[in-house]
Amino acid sequence: MSIKAETRHQNNVEEVDSSELNAWRRGFTPQAEIWNGRLAMLGLSVSLGILCVIRVSAASAPVA
């Protein structure tokens, strides 16, 4: 048995096809965790972008 296969067997790692990882599945599944991370990073990026736009526009606005 190769070292890679032996390590995989010891860690109980199940190989999954890449199309399977992108499947939209509900519940506590690896697919749900992947989508959760993707959507969290999207939300963080959008919120930081909005914050930067607001800060830049507020800084360049004339003071009354």
PDB file of N, CA and C in Angstrom:
ATOM      1  N   MET A   1       0.861  -1.181   0.000  1.00  0.00           N
ATOM      2  CA  MET A   1       0.000   0.000   0.000  1.00  0.00           C
ATOM      3  C   MET A   1       0.899   1.233   0.000  1.00  0.00           C
ATOM      4  N   SER A   2       0.582   2.207  -0.830  1.00  0.00           N
ATOM      5  CA  SER A   2       1.406   3.404  -0.913  1.00  0.00           C
ATOM      6  C   SER A   2       1.171   4.288   0.317  1.00  0.00           C
ATOM      7  N   ILE A   3       2.095   5.204   0.527  1.00  0.00           N
ATOM      8  CA  ILE A   3       1.996   6.101   1.684  1.00  0.00           C
ATOM      9  C   ILE A   3       0.759   6.978   1.574  1.00  0.00           C
ATOM     10  N   LYS A   4       0.484   7.465   0.355  1.00  0.00           N
ATOM     11  CA  LYS A   4      -0.678   8.337   0.153  1.00  0.00           C
ATOM     12  C   LYS A   4      -1.981   7.585   0.461  1.00  0.00           C
ATOM     13  N   ALA A   5      -2.107   6.378  -0.043  1.00  0.00           N
ATOM     14  CA  ALA A   5      -3.307   5.578   0.203  1.00  0.00           C
ATOM     15  C   ALA A   5      -3.402   5.196   1.674  1.00  0.00           C
ATOM     16  N   GLU A   6      -2.267   4.916   2.287  1.00  0.00           N
ATOM     17  CA  GLU A   6      -2.256   4.549   3.702  1.00  0.00           C
ATOM     18  C   GLU A   6      -2.696   5.726   4.568  1.00  0.00           C
ATOM     19  N   THR A   7      -2.200   6.919   4.265  1.00  0.00           N
ATOM     20  CA  THR A   7      -2.587   8.114   5.011  1.00  0.00           C
ATOM     21  C   THR A   7      -4.063   8.399   4.831  1.00  0.00           C
ATOM     22  N   ARG A   8      -4.560   8.246   3.599  1.00  0.00           N
ATOM     23  CA  ARG A   8      -5.969   8.460   3.324  1.00  0.00           C
ATOM     24  C   ARG A   8      -6.825   7.476   4.122  1.00  0.00           C
ATOM     25  N   HIS A   9      -6.361   6.241   4.218  1.00  0.00           N
ATOM     26  CA  HIS A   9      -7.088   5.213   4.957  1.00  0.00           C
ATOM     27  C   HIS A   9      -7.081   5.526   6.454  1.00  0.00           C
ATOM     28  N   GLN A  10      -5.971   6.030   6.986  1.00  0.00           N
ATOM     29  CA  GLN A  10      -5.865   6.346   8.403  1.00  0.00           C
ATOM     30  C   GLN A  10      -6.740   7.536   8.776  1.00  0.00           C
ATOM     31  N   ASN A  11      -6.858   8.517   7.894  1.00  0.00           N
ATOM     32  CA  ASN A  11      -7.642   9.721   8.176  1.00  0.00           C
ATOM     33  C   ASN A  11      -9.108   9.577   7.814  1.00  0.00           C
ATOM     34  N   ASN A  12      -9.482   8.419   7.278  1.00  0.00           N
ATOM     35  CA  ASN A  12     -10.864   8.171   6.847  1.00  0.00           C
ATOM     36  C   ASN A  12     -11.342   9.235   5.858  1.00  0.00           C
ATOM     37  N   VAL A  13     -10.480   9.611   4.929  1.00  0.00           N
ATOM     38  CA  VAL A  13     -10.804  10.604   3.923  1.00  0.00           C
ATOM     39  C   VAL A  13     -11.437   9.908   2.733  1.00  0.00           C
ATOM     40  N   GLU A  14     -12.578  10.416   2.319  1.00  0.00           N
ATOM     41  CA  GLU A  14     -13.273   9.846   1.175  1.00  0.00           C
ATOM     42  C   GLU A  14     -13.063  10.751  -0.029  1.00  0.00           C
ATOM     43  N   GLU A  15     -12.553  10.182  -1.109  1.00  0.00           N
ATOM     44  CA  GLU A  15     -12.340  10.978  -2.310  1.00  0.00           C
ATOM     45  C   GLU A  15     -13.686  11.325  -2.931  1.00  0.00           C
ATOM     46  N   VAL A  16     -13.829  12.586  -3.334  1.00  0.00           N
ATOM     47  CA  VAL A  16     -15.078  13.075  -3.898  1.00  0.00           C
ATOM     48  C   VAL A  16     -14.768  13.731  -5.227  1.00  0.00           C
ATOM     49  N   ASP A  17     -15.612  13.504  -6.211  1.00  0.00           N
ATOM     50  CA  ASP A  17     -15.457  14.107  -7.534  1.00  0.00           C
ATOM     51  C   ASP A  17     -15.655  15.615  -7.422  1.00  0.00           C
ATOM     52  N   SER A  18     -14.968  16.397  -8.251  1.00  0.00           N
ATOM     53  CA  SER A  18     -15.069  17.859  -8.170  1.00  0.00           C
ATOM     54  C   SER A  18     -16.476  18.352  -8.486  1.00  0.00           C
ATOM     55  N   SER A  19     -17.203  17.670  -9.359  1.00  0.00           N
ATOM     56  CA  SER A  19     -18.580  18.085  -9.635  1.00  0.00           C
ATOM     57  C   SER A  19     -19.468  17.820  -8.426  1.00  0.00           C
ATOM     58  N   GLU A  20     -19.122  16.824  -7.638  1.00  0.00           N
ATOM     59  CA  GLU A  20     -19.881  16.520  -6.428  1.00  0.00           C
ATOM     60  C   GLU A  20     -19.700  17.613  -5.372  1.00  0.00           C
ATOM     61  N   LEU A  21     -18.506  18.211  -5.302  1.00  0.00           N
ATOM     62  CA  LEU A  21     -18.266  19.271  -4.317  1.00  0.00           C
ATOM     63  C   LEU A  21     -19.072  20.523  -4.626  1.00  0.00           C
ATOM     64  N   ASN A  22     -19.373  20.764  -5.890  1.00  0.00           N
ATOM     65  CA  ASN A  22     -20.128  21.951  -6.267  1.00  0.00           C
ATOM     66  C   ASN A  22     -21.628  21.733  -6.245  1.00  0.00           C
ATOM     67  N   ALA A  23     -22.071  20.559  -5.882  1.00  0.00           N
ATOM     68  CA  ALA A  23     -23.507  20.268  -5.835  1.00  0.00           C
ATOM     69  C   ALA A  23     -24.148  21.065  -4.706  1.00  0.00           C
ATOM     70  N   TRP A  24     -25.381  21.492  -4.931  1.00  0.00           N
ATOM     71  CA  TRP A  24     -26.117  22.267  -3.929  1.00  0.00           C
ATOM     72  C   TRP A  24     -26.889  21.275  -3.054  1.00  0.00           C
ATOM     73  N   ARG A  25     -26.354  21.002  -1.869  1.00  0.00           N
ATOM     74  CA  ARG A  25     -26.991  20.055  -0.958  1.00  0.00           C
ATOM     75  C   ARG A  25     -27.248  20.722   0.373  1.00  0.00           C
ATOM     76  N   ARG A  26     -28.375  20.381   0.966  1.00  0.00           N
ATOM     77  CA  ARG A  26     -28.742  20.959   2.253  1.00  0.00           C
ATOM     78  C   ARG A  26     -28.273  20.054   3.381  1.00  0.00           C
ATOM     79  N   GLY A  27     -28.176  20.633   4.581  1.00  0.00           N
ATOM     80  CA  GLY A  27     -27.769  19.859   5.741  1.00  0.00           C
ATOM     81  C   GLY A  27     -26.297  20.052   6.044  1.00  0.00           C
ATOM     82  N   PHE A  28     -25.793  19.289   6.987  1.00  0.00           N
ATOM     83  CA  PHE A  28     -24.394  19.378   7.382  1.00  0.00           C
ATOM     84  C   PHE A  28     -23.556  18.469   6.492  1.00  0.00           C
ATOM     85  N   THR A  29     -23.283  18.947   5.296  1.00  0.00           N
ATOM     86  CA  THR A  29     -22.510  18.185   4.330  1.00  0.00           C
ATOM     87  C   THR A  29     -21.293  19.012   3.921  1.00  0.00           C
ATOM     88  N   PRO A  30     -20.267  18.376   3.384  1.00  0.00           N
ATOM     89  CA  PRO A  30     -19.111  19.141   2.900  1.00  0.00           C
ATOM     90  C   PRO A  30     -19.498  20.151   1.821  1.00  0.00           C
ATOM     91  N   GLN A  31     -20.482  19.795   0.991  1.00  0.00           N
ATOM     92  CA  GLN A  31     -20.921  20.716  -0.057  1.00  0.00           C
ATOM     93  C   GLN A  31     -21.523  21.980   0.553  1.00  0.00           C
ATOM     94  N   ALA A  32     -22.315  21.813   1.604  1.00  0.00           N
ATOM     95  CA  ALA A  32     -22.923  22.969   2.263  1.00  0.00           C
ATOM     96  C   ALA A  32     -21.861  23.860   2.896  1.00  0.00           C
ATOM     97  N   GLU A  33     -20.822  23.259   3.456  1.00  0.00           N
ATOM     98  CA  GLU A  33     -19.743  24.037   4.051  1.00  0.00           C
ATOM     99  C   GLU A  33     -18.983  24.830   2.989  1.00  0.00           C
ATOM    100  N   ILE A  34     -18.782  24.237   1.829  1.00  0.00           N
ATOM    101  CA  ILE A  34     -18.096  24.940   0.745  1.00  0.00           C
ATOM    102  C   ILE A  34     -18.927  26.138   0.290  1.00  0.00           C
ATOM    103  N   TRP A  35     -20.222  25.923   0.065  1.00  0.00           N
ATOM    104  CA  TRP A  35     -21.083  27.025  -0.356  1.00  0.00           C
ATOM    105  C   TRP A  35     -21.209  28.095   0.725  1.00  0.00           C
ATOM    106  N   ASN A  36     -21.231  27.678   1.982  1.00  0.00           N
ATOM    107  CA  ASN A  36     -21.297  28.636   3.082  1.00  0.00           C
ATOM    108  C   ASN A  36     -20.068  29.538   3.071  1.00  0.00           C
ATOM    109  N   GLY A  37     -18.905  28.965   2.872  1.00  0.00           N
ATOM    110  CA  GLY A  37     -17.677  29.751   2.809  1.00  0.00           C
ATOM    111  C   GLY A  37     -17.651  30.685   1.618  1.00  0.00           C
ATOM    112  N   ARG A  38     -18.110  30.203   0.477  1.00  0.00           N
ATOM    113  CA  ARG A  38     -18.143  31.054  -0.724  1.00  0.00           C
ATOM    114  C   ARG A  38     -19.074  32.244  -0.531  1.00  0.00           C
ATOM    115  N   LEU A  39     -20.266  31.982  -0.001  1.00  0.00           N
ATOM    116  CA  LEU A  39     -21.230  33.069   0.185  1.00  0.00           C
ATOM    117  C   LEU A  39     -20.787  34.031   1.287  1.00  0.00           C
ATOM    118  N   ALA A  40     -20.113  33.522   2.308  1.00  0.00           N
ATOM    119  CA  ALA A  40     -19.591  34.403   3.357  1.00  0.00           C
ATOM    120  C   ALA A  40     -18.524  35.343   2.799  1.00  0.00           C
ATOM    121  N   MET A  41     -17.633  34.817   1.960  1.00  0.00           N
ATOM    122  CA  MET A  41     -16.604  35.664   1.364  1.00  0.00           C
ATOM    123  C   MET A  41     -17.205  36.673   0.395  1.00  0.00           C
ATOM    124  N   LEU A  42     -18.252  36.271  -0.321  1.00  0.00           N
ATOM    125  CA  LEU A  42     -18.944  37.200  -1.211  1.00  0.00           C
ATOM    126  C   LEU A  42     -19.582  38.334  -0.407  1.00  0.00           C
ATOM    127  N   GLY A  43     -20.257  37.989   0.680  1.00  0.00           N
ATOM    128  CA  GLY A  43     -20.886  39.005   1.528  1.00  0.00           C
ATOM    129  C   GLY A  43     -19.867  39.943   2.144  1.00  0.00           C
ATOM    130  N   LEU A  44     -18.747  39.393   2.592  1.00  0.00           N
ATOM    131  CA  LEU A  44     -17.693  40.222   3.169  1.00  0.00           C
ATOM    132  C   LEU A  44     -17.118  41.171   2.122  1.00  0.00           C
ATOM    133  N   SER A  45     -16.874  40.675   0.925  1.00  0.00           N
ATOM    134  CA  SER A  45     -16.318  41.506  -0.144  1.00  0.00           C
ATOM    135  C   SER A  45     -17.277  42.632  -0.531  1.00  0.00           C
ATOM    136  N   VAL A  46     -18.553  42.302  -0.660  1.00  0.00           N
ATOM    137  CA  VAL A  46     -19.549  43.315  -1.030  1.00  0.00           C
ATOM    138  C   VAL A  46     -19.669  44.368   0.067  1.00  0.00           C
ATOM    139  N   SER A  47     -19.704  43.935   1.324  1.00  0.00           N
ATOM    140  CA  SER A  47     -19.847  44.903   2.417  1.00  0.00           C
ATOM    141  C   SER A  47     -18.614  45.796   2.535  1.00  0.00           C
ATOM    142  N   LEU A  48     -17.427  45.258   2.345  1.00  0.00           N
ATOM    143  CA  LEU A  48     -16.217  46.088   2.379  1.00  0.00           C
ATOM    144  C   LEU A  48     -16.179  47.049   1.190  1.00  0.00           C
ATOM    145  N   GLY A  49     -16.642  46.602   0.034  1.00  0.00           N
ATOM    146  CA  GLY A  49     -16.716  47.494  -1.127  1.00  0.00           C
ATOM    147  C   GLY A  49     -17.673  48.652  -0.889  1.00  0.00           C
ATOM    148  N   ILE A  50     -18.834  48.352  -0.335  1.00  0.00           N
ATOM    149  CA  ILE A  50     -19.814  49.411  -0.031  1.00  0.00           C
ATOM    150  C   ILE A  50     -19.243  50.378   1.005  1.00  0.00           C
ATOM    151  N   LEU A  51     -18.577  49.836   2.034  1.00  0.00           N
ATOM    152  CA  LEU A  51     -17.977  50.684   3.057  1.00  0.00           C
ATOM    153  C   LEU A  51     -16.929  51.612   2.454  1.00  0.00           C
ATOM    154  N   CYS A  52     -16.098  51.100   1.561  1.00  0.00           N
ATOM    155  CA  CYS A  52     -15.075  51.933   0.915  1.00  0.00           C
ATOM    156  C   CYS A  52     -15.701  53.019   0.061  1.00  0.00           C
ATOM    157  N   VAL A  53     -16.754  52.698  -0.680  1.00  0.00           N
ATOM    158  CA  VAL A  53     -17.429  53.696  -1.519  1.00  0.00           C
ATOM    159  C   VAL A  53     -18.041  54.786  -0.649  1.00  0.00           C
ATOM    160  N   ILE A  54     -18.658  54.409   0.452  1.00  0.00           N
ATOM    161  CA  ILE A  54     -19.272  55.395   1.346  1.00  0.00           C
ATOM    162  C   ILE A  54     -18.201  56.297   1.963  1.00  0.00           C
ATOM    163  N   ARG A  55     -17.098  55.698   2.412  1.00  0.00           N
ATOM    164  CA  ARG A  55     -16.015  56.486   3.035  1.00  0.00           C
ATOM    165  C   ARG A  55     -15.384  57.451   2.038  1.00  0.00           C
ATOM    166  N   VAL A  56     -15.163  56.988   0.804  1.00  0.00           N
ATOM    167  CA  VAL A  56     -14.539  57.855  -0.205  1.00  0.00           C
ATOM    168  C   VAL A  56     -15.489  58.977  -0.590  1.00  0.00           C
ATOM    169  N   SER A  57     -16.768  58.664  -0.759  1.00  0.00           N
ATOM    170  CA  SER A  57     -17.719  59.712  -1.154  1.00  0.00           C
ATOM    171  C   SER A  57     -17.950  60.696  -0.002  1.00  0.00           C
ATOM    172  N   ALA A  58     -17.903  60.242   1.243  1.00  0.00           N
ATOM    173  CA  ALA A  58     -18.079  61.146   2.384  1.00  0.00           C
ATOM    174  C   ALA A  58     -16.846  62.035   2.560  1.00  0.00           C
ATOM    175  N   ALA A  59     -15.677  61.517   2.265  1.00  0.00           N
ATOM    176  CA  ALA A  59     -14.451  62.300   2.405  1.00  0.00           C
ATOM    177  C   ALA A  59     -14.326  63.364   1.328  1.00  0.00           C
ATOM    178  N   SER A  60     -14.868  63.106   0.142  1.00  0.00           N
ATOM    179  CA  SER A  60     -14.746  64.063  -0.953  1.00  0.00           C
ATOM    180  C   SER A  60     -15.928  65.035  -1.021  1.00  0.00           C
ATOM    181  N   ALA A  61     -16.923  64.844  -0.161  1.00  0.00           N
ATOM    182  CA  ALA A  61     -18.092  65.746  -0.164  1.00  0.00           C
ATOM    183  C   ALA A  61     -17.697  67.084   0.462  1.00  0.00           C
ATOM    184  N   PRO A  62     -18.205  68.183  -0.115  1.00  0.00           N
ATOM    185  CA  PRO A  62     -17.887  69.500   0.457  1.00  0.00           C
ATOM    186  C   PRO A  62     -18.557  69.686   1.815  1.00  0.00           C
ATOM    187  N   VAL A  63     -17.864  70.355   2.690  1.00  0.00           N
ATOM    188  CA  VAL A  63     -18.403  70.627   4.029  1.00  0.00           C
ATOM    189  C   VAL A  63     -19.289  71.859   3.959  1.00  0.00           C
ATOM    190  N   ALA A  64     -20.485  71.736   4.500  1.00  0.00           N
ATOM    191  CA  ALA A  64     -21.436  72.847   4.432  1.00  0.00           C
ATOM    192  C   ALA A  64     -21.188  73.874   5.492  1.00  0.00           C
TER     193      ALA A  64
END
